């Protein structure tokens, strides 16, 4: 399980209202949410982001309301991983629950620039800025979180465990 893509970098305290504005919360459709992801902070995000790209942010990413819409919008946008200095706790849990890989790594958050080519090895936690030839060490996912993410989220993981019995 790895990620490889172009970095899209944002600052500190990016809240869930910026990730997906409240005016779009009437829908649960991931594609509709993706169409409006980050639009209040970066109107070009949807056009410039490609499947597999990586979102990089600063402190307290995903603060604000506890809406699951925010990580769904990011994942549906094709973002393969979010790297930040740290995450709001409820956003962190919601992301894992829907199968969006997120890693806390202050050094990578500071060192990676917008537009850099980045790879992430989820097994080791190594983040490589290919553009700069620099590596950073994040805490790798424990096995149970790797399982949840690889299955596409908590519910899919539980269904797979039930089917295996």
N, C-alpha and C. Protein backbone atom coordinates (compact mmCIF):
# COMPACT_ATOMS: atom_id res chain seq x y z
N UNK A 1 0.84 -1.18 0.00
CA UNK A 1 0.00 0.00 0.00
C UNK A 1 0.89 1.24 0.00
N UNK A 2 0.86 2.00 -1.08
CA UNK A 2 1.69 3.19 -1.19
C UNK A 2 0.91 4.30 -1.90
N UNK A 3 1.43 5.51 -1.80
CA UNK A 3 0.85 6.65 -2.50
C UNK A 3 1.95 7.33 -3.30
N UNK A 4 1.57 7.90 -4.44
CA UNK A 4 2.51 8.62 -5.27
C UNK A 4 1.74 9.67 -6.04
N UNK A 5 2.15 10.92 -5.89
CA UNK A 5 1.46 11.99 -6.61
C UNK A 5 2.09 13.34 -6.38
N UNK A 6 1.41 14.34 -6.86
CA UNK A 6 1.85 15.73 -6.73
C UNK A 6 1.24 16.32 -5.46
N UNK A 7 2.04 17.10 -4.73
CA UNK A 7 1.59 17.72 -3.49
C UNK A 7 0.77 18.98 -3.77
N UNK A 8 -0.31 19.11 -3.03
CA UNK A 8 -1.12 20.33 -3.00
C UNK A 8 -1.05 20.82 -1.56
N UNK A 9 -0.40 21.96 -1.35
CA UNK A 9 -0.08 22.39 0.01
C UNK A 9 -0.96 23.54 0.48
N UNK A 10 -1.39 23.40 1.73
CA UNK A 10 -2.22 24.41 2.38
C UNK A 10 -1.67 24.68 3.77
N UNK A 11 -2.17 25.68 4.43
CA UNK A 11 -1.62 26.14 5.70
C UNK A 11 -2.21 25.49 6.93
N UNK A 12 -2.17 26.24 8.01
CA UNK A 12 -2.66 25.78 9.31
C UNK A 12 -4.17 26.00 9.44
N UNK A 13 -4.77 25.21 10.30
CA UNK A 13 -6.16 25.37 10.73
C UNK A 13 -7.16 25.36 9.57
N UNK A 14 -6.96 24.47 8.62
CA UNK A 14 -7.91 24.31 7.53
C UNK A 14 -9.09 23.53 8.10
N UNK A 15 -10.22 24.21 8.23
CA UNK A 15 -11.35 23.56 8.89
C UNK A 15 -12.27 22.85 7.89
N UNK A 16 -13.19 22.09 8.44
CA UNK A 16 -14.08 21.29 7.60
C UNK A 16 -14.98 22.16 6.73
N UNK A 17 -15.27 23.40 7.16
CA UNK A 17 -16.07 24.30 6.33
C UNK A 17 -15.31 24.77 5.10
N UNK A 18 -13.98 24.76 5.17
CA UNK A 18 -13.17 25.11 4.00
C UNK A 18 -13.01 23.88 3.11
N UNK A 19 -12.85 22.72 3.72
CA UNK A 19 -12.70 21.49 2.94
C UNK A 19 -13.94 21.22 2.12
N UNK A 20 -15.10 21.29 2.74
CA UNK A 20 -16.38 21.18 2.03
C UNK A 20 -17.36 22.16 2.66
N UNK A 21 -17.65 23.24 1.96
CA UNK A 21 -18.53 24.27 2.51
C UNK A 21 -19.91 23.72 2.90
N UNK A 22 -20.45 24.26 3.98
CA UNK A 22 -21.72 23.80 4.53
C UNK A 22 -22.86 23.83 3.52
N UNK A 23 -22.78 24.70 2.54
CA UNK A 23 -23.87 24.79 1.55
C UNK A 23 -24.02 23.52 0.71
N UNK A 24 -23.04 22.62 0.77
CA UNK A 24 -23.10 21.37 0.00
C UNK A 24 -23.39 20.15 0.87
N UNK A 25 -23.75 20.36 2.11
CA UNK A 25 -23.92 19.22 3.02
C UNK A 25 -25.24 18.49 2.86
N UNK A 26 -26.11 18.99 1.99
CA UNK A 26 -27.39 18.30 1.78
C UNK A 26 -27.19 17.01 0.99
N UNK A 27 -26.05 16.84 0.38
CA UNK A 27 -25.80 15.64 -0.42
C UNK A 27 -24.84 14.69 0.30
N UNK A 28 -25.01 13.42 0.03
CA UNK A 28 -24.08 12.39 0.49
C UNK A 28 -23.28 11.83 -0.68
N UNK A 29 -23.54 12.34 -1.89
CA UNK A 29 -22.90 11.84 -3.10
C UNK A 29 -21.42 12.23 -3.12
N UNK A 30 -20.52 11.25 -3.04
CA UNK A 30 -19.09 11.58 -3.02
C UNK A 30 -18.63 12.39 -4.22
N UNK A 31 -19.16 12.13 -5.40
CA UNK A 31 -18.75 12.88 -6.59
C UNK A 31 -19.17 14.34 -6.50
N UNK A 32 -20.36 14.58 -5.97
CA UNK A 32 -20.83 15.96 -5.80
C UNK A 32 -19.99 16.68 -4.74
N UNK A 33 -19.66 16.00 -3.66
CA UNK A 33 -18.81 16.58 -2.63
C UNK A 33 -17.42 16.89 -3.20
N UNK A 34 -16.87 15.96 -3.98
CA UNK A 34 -15.56 16.17 -4.60
C UNK A 34 -15.55 17.38 -5.51
N UNK A 35 -16.66 17.62 -6.20
CA UNK A 35 -16.75 18.75 -7.13
C UNK A 35 -16.56 20.10 -6.42
N UNK A 36 -16.80 20.11 -5.11
CA UNK A 36 -16.71 21.37 -4.36
C UNK A 36 -15.62 21.35 -3.29
N UNK A 37 -14.80 20.31 -3.28
CA UNK A 37 -13.74 20.18 -2.29
C UNK A 37 -12.75 21.34 -2.40
N UNK A 38 -12.48 21.97 -1.29
CA UNK A 38 -11.48 23.05 -1.14
C UNK A 38 -11.81 24.31 -1.93
N UNK A 39 -12.99 24.42 -2.51
CA UNK A 39 -13.27 25.53 -3.41
C UNK A 39 -13.24 26.90 -2.74
N UNK A 40 -13.52 26.97 -1.44
CA UNK A 40 -13.50 28.28 -0.78
C UNK A 40 -12.09 28.77 -0.46
N UNK A 41 -11.09 27.88 -0.54
CA UNK A 41 -9.71 28.29 -0.29
C UNK A 41 -8.88 28.23 -1.57
N UNK A 42 -9.31 27.40 -2.52
CA UNK A 42 -8.56 27.19 -3.75
C UNK A 42 -9.53 26.80 -4.87
N UNK A 43 -9.99 27.78 -5.60
CA UNK A 43 -10.97 27.54 -6.67
C UNK A 43 -10.47 26.55 -7.72
N UNK A 44 -9.16 26.44 -7.88
CA UNK A 44 -8.60 25.57 -8.92
C UNK A 44 -8.27 24.16 -8.42
N UNK A 45 -8.53 23.87 -7.15
CA UNK A 45 -8.16 22.58 -6.58
C UNK A 45 -8.69 21.41 -7.41
N UNK A 46 -9.95 21.44 -7.73
CA UNK A 46 -10.57 20.31 -8.43
C UNK A 46 -9.98 20.14 -9.83
N UNK A 47 -9.65 21.24 -10.49
CA UNK A 47 -9.07 21.15 -11.83
C UNK A 47 -7.62 20.68 -11.82
N UNK A 48 -6.87 21.10 -10.81
CA UNK A 48 -5.44 20.77 -10.81
C UNK A 48 -5.12 19.46 -10.11
N UNK A 49 -6.01 18.96 -9.25
CA UNK A 49 -5.70 17.71 -8.56
C UNK A 49 -6.02 16.52 -9.45
N UNK A 50 -5.13 15.54 -9.40
CA UNK A 50 -5.25 14.32 -10.19
C UNK A 50 -5.39 13.14 -9.23
N UNK A 51 -5.92 12.06 -9.72
CA UNK A 51 -6.02 10.86 -8.91
C UNK A 51 -4.63 10.44 -8.44
N UNK A 52 -4.50 10.20 -7.15
CA UNK A 52 -3.22 9.80 -6.57
C UNK A 52 -2.47 10.94 -5.91
N UNK A 53 -2.87 12.18 -6.16
CA UNK A 53 -2.16 13.31 -5.57
C UNK A 53 -2.25 13.30 -4.05
N UNK A 54 -1.42 14.12 -3.43
CA UNK A 54 -1.28 14.14 -1.98
C UNK A 54 -1.53 15.55 -1.47
N UNK A 55 -2.36 15.65 -0.44
CA UNK A 55 -2.64 16.94 0.16
C UNK A 55 -1.71 17.10 1.36
N UNK A 56 -1.04 18.24 1.46
CA UNK A 56 -0.11 18.53 2.55
C UNK A 56 -0.60 19.79 3.25
N UNK A 57 -0.63 19.75 4.58
CA UNK A 57 -1.13 20.89 5.33
C UNK A 57 -0.33 21.08 6.61
N UNK A 58 -0.67 22.12 7.33
CA UNK A 58 0.03 22.45 8.56
C UNK A 58 -0.64 21.91 9.80
N UNK A 59 -0.79 22.77 10.78
CA UNK A 59 -1.37 22.40 12.07
C UNK A 59 -2.88 22.26 12.01
N UNK A 60 -3.40 21.32 12.79
CA UNK A 60 -4.83 21.23 13.10
C UNK A 60 -5.71 21.07 11.87
N UNK A 61 -5.25 20.29 10.90
CA UNK A 61 -6.04 20.10 9.68
C UNK A 61 -7.33 19.36 10.03
N UNK A 62 -8.44 19.85 9.48
CA UNK A 62 -9.74 19.23 9.69
C UNK A 62 -10.44 19.65 10.96
N UNK A 63 -10.02 20.78 11.52
CA UNK A 63 -10.70 21.28 12.72
C UNK A 63 -12.10 21.75 12.33
N UNK A 64 -12.91 22.04 13.32
CA UNK A 64 -14.26 22.50 13.04
C UNK A 64 -15.26 21.42 13.35
N UNK A 65 -16.29 21.33 12.54
CA UNK A 65 -17.37 20.38 12.81
C UNK A 65 -16.91 18.95 12.58
N UNK A 66 -17.70 18.02 13.07
CA UNK A 66 -17.33 16.61 13.01
C UNK A 66 -17.82 15.93 11.74
N UNK A 67 -18.22 16.68 10.74
CA UNK A 67 -18.82 16.10 9.55
C UNK A 67 -17.89 15.14 8.82
N UNK A 68 -18.45 14.00 8.47
CA UNK A 68 -17.71 13.00 7.70
C UNK A 68 -17.59 13.42 6.23
N UNK A 69 -18.37 14.41 5.83
CA UNK A 69 -18.35 14.90 4.45
C UNK A 69 -16.95 15.35 4.03
N UNK A 70 -16.19 15.92 4.97
CA UNK A 70 -14.88 16.49 4.61
C UNK A 70 -13.90 15.43 4.12
N UNK A 71 -13.63 14.36 4.88
CA UNK A 71 -12.73 13.35 4.33
C UNK A 71 -13.30 12.63 3.11
N UNK A 72 -14.61 12.50 3.05
CA UNK A 72 -15.23 11.88 1.86
C UNK A 72 -14.94 12.73 0.63
N UNK A 73 -15.08 14.05 0.75
CA UNK A 73 -14.82 14.96 -0.37
C UNK A 73 -13.37 14.86 -0.83
N UNK A 74 -12.45 14.79 0.14
CA UNK A 74 -11.02 14.69 -0.20
C UNK A 74 -10.74 13.38 -0.92
N UNK A 75 -11.22 12.28 -0.36
CA UNK A 75 -10.98 10.97 -0.96
C UNK A 75 -11.61 10.88 -2.35
N UNK A 76 -12.84 11.37 -2.49
CA UNK A 76 -13.52 11.32 -3.78
C UNK A 76 -12.85 12.22 -4.81
N UNK A 77 -12.07 13.20 -4.35
CA UNK A 77 -11.32 14.06 -5.27
C UNK A 77 -10.13 13.34 -5.88
N UNK A 78 -9.82 12.15 -5.37
CA UNK A 78 -8.70 11.38 -5.88
C UNK A 78 -7.44 11.51 -5.04
N UNK A 79 -7.50 12.30 -3.97
CA UNK A 79 -6.35 12.45 -3.09
C UNK A 79 -6.06 11.10 -2.44
N UNK A 80 -4.80 10.66 -2.54
CA UNK A 80 -4.44 9.34 -2.02
C UNK A 80 -3.98 9.37 -0.58
N UNK A 81 -3.60 10.55 -0.08
CA UNK A 81 -3.07 10.66 1.28
C UNK A 81 -3.07 12.13 1.69
N UNK A 82 -3.29 12.37 2.97
CA UNK A 82 -3.15 13.70 3.54
C UNK A 82 -2.02 13.64 4.56
N UNK A 83 -1.08 14.57 4.43
CA UNK A 83 0.03 14.70 5.38
C UNK A 83 -0.11 16.06 6.04
N UNK A 84 -0.03 16.09 7.37
CA UNK A 84 -0.12 17.36 8.09
C UNK A 84 0.74 17.29 9.35
N UNK A 85 0.98 18.46 9.93
CA UNK A 85 1.69 18.48 11.21
C UNK A 85 0.88 17.73 12.25
N UNK A 86 -0.44 17.98 12.27
CA UNK A 86 -1.36 17.22 13.09
C UNK A 86 -2.78 17.45 12.59
N UNK A 87 -3.69 16.63 13.09
CA UNK A 87 -5.08 16.65 12.64
C UNK A 87 -6.00 16.85 13.83
N UNK A 88 -7.14 17.47 13.57
CA UNK A 88 -8.20 17.47 14.58
C UNK A 88 -8.58 16.01 14.80
N UNK A 89 -8.77 15.62 16.03
CA UNK A 89 -8.99 14.21 16.37
C UNK A 89 -10.19 13.60 15.66
N UNK A 90 -11.32 14.31 15.61
CA UNK A 90 -12.50 13.72 14.97
C UNK A 90 -12.27 13.58 13.46
N UNK A 91 -11.57 14.51 12.86
CA UNK A 91 -11.24 14.39 11.43
C UNK A 91 -10.34 13.18 11.21
N UNK A 92 -9.38 12.98 12.09
CA UNK A 92 -8.48 11.83 11.98
C UNK A 92 -9.28 10.54 11.98
N UNK A 93 -10.17 10.41 12.96
CA UNK A 93 -10.96 9.17 13.06
C UNK A 93 -11.91 9.02 11.88
N UNK A 94 -12.56 10.09 11.47
CA UNK A 94 -13.46 10.02 10.31
C UNK A 94 -12.70 9.61 9.06
N UNK A 95 -11.48 10.10 8.91
CA UNK A 95 -10.68 9.76 7.73
C UNK A 95 -10.37 8.27 7.70
N UNK A 96 -9.92 7.73 8.81
CA UNK A 96 -9.64 6.30 8.88
C UNK A 96 -10.92 5.51 8.63
N UNK A 97 -12.02 5.95 9.23
CA UNK A 97 -13.30 5.24 9.07
C UNK A 97 -13.76 5.14 7.63
N UNK A 98 -13.42 6.13 6.80
CA UNK A 98 -13.84 6.07 5.39
C UNK A 98 -12.71 5.60 4.48
N UNK A 99 -11.55 5.25 5.08
CA UNK A 99 -10.46 4.69 4.30
C UNK A 99 -9.54 5.70 3.64
N UNK A 100 -9.47 6.91 4.19
CA UNK A 100 -8.55 7.93 3.67
C UNK A 100 -7.27 7.92 4.49
N UNK A 101 -6.14 7.54 3.91
CA UNK A 101 -4.88 7.53 4.66
C UNK A 101 -4.44 8.94 5.03
N UNK A 102 -4.11 9.14 6.31
CA UNK A 102 -3.60 10.43 6.77
C UNK A 102 -2.41 10.17 7.69
N UNK A 103 -1.38 10.98 7.54
CA UNK A 103 -0.16 10.81 8.32
C UNK A 103 0.24 12.13 8.97
N UNK A 104 0.59 12.06 10.25
CA UNK A 104 1.13 13.22 10.94
C UNK A 104 2.65 13.20 10.82
N UNK A 105 3.20 14.26 10.23
CA UNK A 105 4.65 14.35 10.09
C UNK A 105 5.03 15.83 9.95
N UNK A 106 5.35 16.49 11.07
CA UNK A 106 5.69 17.91 11.01
C UNK A 106 6.81 18.25 10.03
N UNK A 107 7.85 17.42 9.97
CA UNK A 107 8.98 17.72 9.08
C UNK A 107 8.54 17.69 7.62
N UNK A 108 7.74 16.71 7.23
CA UNK A 108 7.25 16.63 5.85
C UNK A 108 6.32 17.79 5.55
N UNK A 109 5.49 18.14 6.52
CA UNK A 109 4.57 19.26 6.35
C UNK A 109 5.33 20.55 6.05
N UNK A 110 6.44 20.74 6.72
CA UNK A 110 7.25 21.94 6.51
C UNK A 110 8.11 21.84 5.25
N UNK A 111 8.64 20.66 4.95
CA UNK A 111 9.61 20.52 3.88
C UNK A 111 9.05 20.39 2.48
N UNK A 112 7.87 19.81 2.38
CA UNK A 112 7.27 19.59 1.05
C UNK A 112 6.63 20.89 0.57
N UNK A 113 6.88 21.22 -0.68
CA UNK A 113 6.29 22.42 -1.29
C UNK A 113 5.18 22.04 -2.26
N UNK A 114 4.30 22.98 -2.50
CA UNK A 114 3.23 22.80 -3.48
C UNK A 114 3.86 22.43 -4.83
N UNK A 115 3.35 21.38 -5.44
CA UNK A 115 3.84 20.95 -6.74
C UNK A 115 4.94 19.92 -6.70
N UNK A 116 5.49 19.63 -5.51
CA UNK A 116 6.52 18.60 -5.41
C UNK A 116 5.92 17.22 -5.69
N UNK A 117 6.73 16.35 -6.25
CA UNK A 117 6.34 14.95 -6.44
C UNK A 117 6.68 14.21 -5.15
N UNK A 118 5.70 13.46 -4.62
CA UNK A 118 5.84 12.84 -3.31
C UNK A 118 5.41 11.38 -3.38
N UNK A 119 6.13 10.53 -2.65
CA UNK A 119 5.71 9.14 -2.47
C UNK A 119 5.59 8.87 -0.98
N UNK A 120 4.69 7.95 -0.64
CA UNK A 120 4.47 7.56 0.74
C UNK A 120 4.45 6.04 0.80
N UNK A 121 5.24 5.48 1.70
CA UNK A 121 5.22 4.05 1.95
C UNK A 121 4.48 3.84 3.27
N UNK A 122 3.27 3.32 3.19
CA UNK A 122 2.45 3.16 4.39
C UNK A 122 3.00 2.10 5.33
N UNK A 123 3.73 1.14 4.81
CA UNK A 123 4.28 0.08 5.66
C UNK A 123 5.40 0.58 6.55
N UNK A 124 6.21 1.50 6.05
CA UNK A 124 7.35 1.99 6.83
C UNK A 124 7.12 3.40 7.39
N UNK A 125 6.16 4.13 6.82
CA UNK A 125 5.94 5.52 7.22
C UNK A 125 6.90 6.49 6.56
N UNK A 126 7.68 6.02 5.59
CA UNK A 126 8.64 6.89 4.92
C UNK A 126 7.93 7.72 3.85
N UNK A 127 8.11 9.02 3.93
CA UNK A 127 7.58 9.97 2.97
C UNK A 127 8.77 10.52 2.21
N UNK A 128 8.72 10.44 0.89
CA UNK A 128 9.84 10.92 0.07
C UNK A 128 9.38 12.07 -0.80
N UNK A 129 10.08 13.19 -0.68
CA UNK A 129 9.88 14.29 -1.61
C UNK A 129 10.82 14.01 -2.77
N UNK A 130 10.29 13.42 -3.83
CA UNK A 130 11.09 13.01 -4.98
C UNK A 130 11.73 14.23 -5.64
N UNK A 131 11.01 15.33 -5.68
CA UNK A 131 11.51 16.55 -6.30
C UNK A 131 12.79 17.04 -5.63
N UNK A 132 12.82 16.99 -4.31
CA UNK A 132 13.98 17.51 -3.56
C UNK A 132 14.95 16.42 -3.13
N UNK A 133 14.55 15.15 -3.29
CA UNK A 133 15.41 14.06 -2.84
C UNK A 133 15.51 13.96 -1.33
N UNK A 134 14.46 14.38 -0.62
CA UNK A 134 14.45 14.35 0.84
C UNK A 134 13.45 13.31 1.34
N UNK A 135 13.78 12.70 2.48
CA UNK A 135 12.85 11.75 3.10
C UNK A 135 12.50 12.21 4.50
N UNK A 136 11.31 11.80 4.92
CA UNK A 136 10.78 12.13 6.24
C UNK A 136 10.20 10.86 6.83
N UNK A 137 10.20 10.78 8.14
CA UNK A 137 9.68 9.59 8.80
C UNK A 137 8.41 9.91 9.58
N UNK A 138 7.31 9.31 9.16
CA UNK A 138 6.05 9.37 9.90
C UNK A 138 5.88 8.03 10.61
N UNK A 139 5.02 8.01 11.57
CA UNK A 139 4.70 6.76 12.25
C UNK A 139 3.88 5.90 11.28
N UNK A 140 4.34 4.67 11.00
CA UNK A 140 3.55 3.83 10.10
C UNK A 140 2.24 3.43 10.76
N UNK A 141 1.26 3.08 9.94
CA UNK A 141 -0.03 2.65 10.47
C UNK A 141 0.11 1.32 11.19
N UNK A 142 -0.56 1.17 12.33
CA UNK A 142 -0.59 -0.16 12.95
C UNK A 142 -1.42 -1.10 12.06
N UNK A 143 -1.24 -2.39 12.21
CA UNK A 143 -1.92 -3.35 11.33
C UNK A 143 -3.44 -3.17 11.23
N UNK A 144 -4.13 -2.89 12.34
CA UNK A 144 -5.59 -2.77 12.28
C UNK A 144 -6.02 -1.56 11.45
N UNK A 145 -5.25 -0.47 11.49
CA UNK A 145 -5.60 0.70 10.66
C UNK A 145 -5.26 0.42 9.20
N UNK A 146 -4.13 -0.24 8.95
CA UNK A 146 -3.81 -0.63 7.57
C UNK A 146 -4.92 -1.48 6.98
N UNK A 147 -5.46 -2.38 7.79
CA UNK A 147 -6.55 -3.24 7.33
C UNK A 147 -7.79 -2.42 6.98
N UNK A 148 -8.15 -1.49 7.84
CA UNK A 148 -9.33 -0.63 7.59
C UNK A 148 -9.14 0.15 6.30
N UNK A 149 -7.97 0.78 6.13
CA UNK A 149 -7.71 1.59 4.94
C UNK A 149 -7.68 0.72 3.68
N UNK A 150 -7.01 -0.43 3.76
CA UNK A 150 -6.90 -1.29 2.56
C UNK A 150 -8.24 -1.84 2.11
N UNK A 151 -9.17 -1.98 3.05
CA UNK A 151 -10.50 -2.49 2.71
C UNK A 151 -11.45 -1.38 2.25
N UNK A 152 -11.01 -0.11 2.37
CA UNK A 152 -11.84 1.01 1.92
C UNK A 152 -12.63 1.67 3.02
N UNK A 153 -12.34 1.34 4.26
CA UNK A 153 -13.01 1.99 5.39
C UNK A 153 -13.45 0.98 6.43
N UNK A 154 -13.93 1.50 7.56
CA UNK A 154 -14.31 0.67 8.69
C UNK A 154 -15.45 -0.29 8.35
N UNK A 155 -16.50 0.20 7.74
CA UNK A 155 -17.65 -0.67 7.44
C UNK A 155 -17.26 -1.78 6.47
N UNK A 156 -16.49 -1.45 5.46
CA UNK A 156 -16.06 -2.48 4.50
C UNK A 156 -15.16 -3.50 5.19
N UNK A 157 -14.32 -3.03 6.11
CA UNK A 157 -13.45 -3.93 6.86
C UNK A 157 -14.26 -4.88 7.73
N UNK A 158 -15.29 -4.36 8.39
CA UNK A 158 -16.15 -5.19 9.23
C UNK A 158 -16.94 -6.19 8.39
N UNK A 159 -17.42 -5.76 7.22
CA UNK A 159 -18.14 -6.67 6.34
C UNK A 159 -17.21 -7.80 5.88
N UNK A 160 -15.97 -7.47 5.57
CA UNK A 160 -15.00 -8.48 5.13
C UNK A 160 -14.71 -9.48 6.24
N UNK A 161 -14.62 -8.98 7.47
CA UNK A 161 -14.37 -9.88 8.61
C UNK A 161 -15.57 -10.80 8.82
N UNK A 162 -16.78 -10.26 8.66
CA UNK A 162 -18.00 -11.08 8.83
C UNK A 162 -18.11 -12.12 7.73
N UNK A 163 -17.72 -11.78 6.52
CA UNK A 163 -17.79 -12.72 5.40
C UNK A 163 -16.76 -13.82 5.55
N UNK A 164 -15.67 -13.52 6.25
CA UNK A 164 -14.60 -14.51 6.41
C UNK A 164 -14.96 -15.58 7.45
N UNK A 165 -15.97 -15.34 8.24
CA UNK A 165 -16.34 -16.31 9.30
C UNK A 165 -17.22 -17.41 8.78
